[in-house]
Amino acid sequence: MSSNSYGDTCPNCQKEMDICQESRPIDYTTGQCPHCGFYYFTKTGQMDLVELNVLRDDLELKPLKKLPAIDEELLW
């Protein structure tokens, strides 16, 4: 994995927080503030069939009858 760590201003307390970005296999970012405890992270998952078909309908795509397989290495 390619990673980059740096400090940035916490949006909650305006003090320095730690940020880490990974770029493989997908872009993934985490941040944590040691001063106030604010944190964020990228979360992966898969929509259920109803959610996916609502999205597909919005994009004028045909609905699916079953969920496609997802590479388990992409799910954390």
Protein backbone atom coordinates (compact mmCIF):
# COMPACT_ATOMS: atom_id res chain seq x y z
CA MET A 1 0.00 0.00 0.00
CA SER A 2 1.05 3.53 -0.67
CA SER A 3 0.46 5.76 2.33
CA ASN A 4 0.90 9.36 3.34
CA SER A 5 0.64 10.72 6.89
CA TYR A 6 0.42 14.36 7.85
CA GLY A 7 -1.08 16.77 10.36
CA ASP A 8 -4.05 19.02 9.68
CA THR A 9 -6.40 21.26 11.65
CA CYS A 10 -9.20 19.47 13.49
CA PRO A 11 -12.56 20.85 12.34
CA ASN A 12 -13.89 20.51 15.91
CA CYS A 13 -11.22 22.01 18.17
CA GLN A 14 -8.92 23.68 15.60
CA LYS A 15 -5.85 21.94 17.05
CA GLU A 16 -3.55 19.61 15.12
CA MET A 17 -4.91 16.17 14.23
CA ASP A 18 -3.22 13.19 12.55
CA ILE A 19 -4.32 12.20 9.03
CA CYS A 20 -3.34 9.04 7.14
CA GLN A 21 -4.18 8.36 3.49
CA GLU A 22 -3.80 4.99 1.77
CA SER A 23 -4.23 4.64 -1.96
CA ARG A 24 -4.36 0.90 -2.57
CA PRO A 25 -6.49 -1.06 -3.26
CA ILE A 26 -8.84 1.98 -2.99
CA ASP A 27 -8.46 5.49 -1.60
CA TYR A 28 -8.84 5.28 2.18
CA THR A 29 -8.48 8.15 4.65
CA THR A 30 -8.48 8.26 8.44
CA GLY A 31 -8.12 11.14 10.83
CA GLN A 32 -7.91 11.33 14.60
CA CYS A 33 -7.52 14.20 16.99
CA PRO A 34 -5.63 13.52 20.23
CA HIS A 35 -7.00 16.76 21.73
CA CYS A 36 -10.79 16.32 21.50
CA GLY A 37 -11.25 12.75 20.22
CA PHE A 38 -12.87 13.63 16.89
CA TYR A 39 -12.18 10.97 14.26
CA TYR A 40 -13.23 9.92 10.78
CA PHE A 41 -12.55 7.02 8.49
CA THR A 42 -13.50 5.61 5.11
CA LYS A 43 -15.90 2.70 5.43
CA THR A 44 -16.45 0.10 2.74
CA GLY A 45 -19.39 -2.20 2.25
CA GLN A 46 -22.05 -3.30 -0.20
CA MET A 47 -25.56 -1.94 -0.61
CA ASP A 48 -28.39 -4.39 -0.20
CA LEU A 49 -30.32 -5.32 -3.35
CA VAL A 50 -33.12 -2.79 -2.71
CA GLU A 51 -30.67 0.11 -2.22
CA LEU A 52 -28.69 -0.90 -5.29
CA ASN A 53 -31.80 -1.10 -7.45
CA VAL A 54 -32.98 2.33 -6.25
CA LEU A 55 -29.61 3.72 -7.33
CA ARG A 56 -29.81 1.86 -10.65
CA ASP A 57 -33.33 3.22 -11.22
CA ASP A 58 -32.06 6.77 -10.61
CA LEU A 59 -29.41 6.13 -13.29
CA GLU A 60 -31.99 4.57 -15.64
CA LEU A 61 -30.36 1.13 -15.42
CA LYS A 62 -32.29 -2.14 -15.32
CA PRO A 63 -32.81 -3.61 -11.84
CA LEU A 64 -30.81 -6.64 -10.76
CA LYS A 65 -32.35 -9.87 -9.46
CA LYS A 66 -29.41 -10.64 -7.15
CA LEU A 67 -26.40 -8.83 -5.75
CA PRO A 68 -23.15 -9.13 -7.69
CA ALA A 69 -20.18 -10.64 -5.88
CA ILE A 70 -17.81 -8.25 -4.09
CA ASP A 71 -14.08 -8.88 -3.65
CA GLU A 72 -13.78 -9.65 0.08
CA GLU A 73 -10.40 -7.87 0.26
CA LEU A 74 -12.20 -4.58 -0.38
CA LEU A 75 -14.47 -4.98 2.66
CA TRP A 76 -12.99 -3.87 6.02
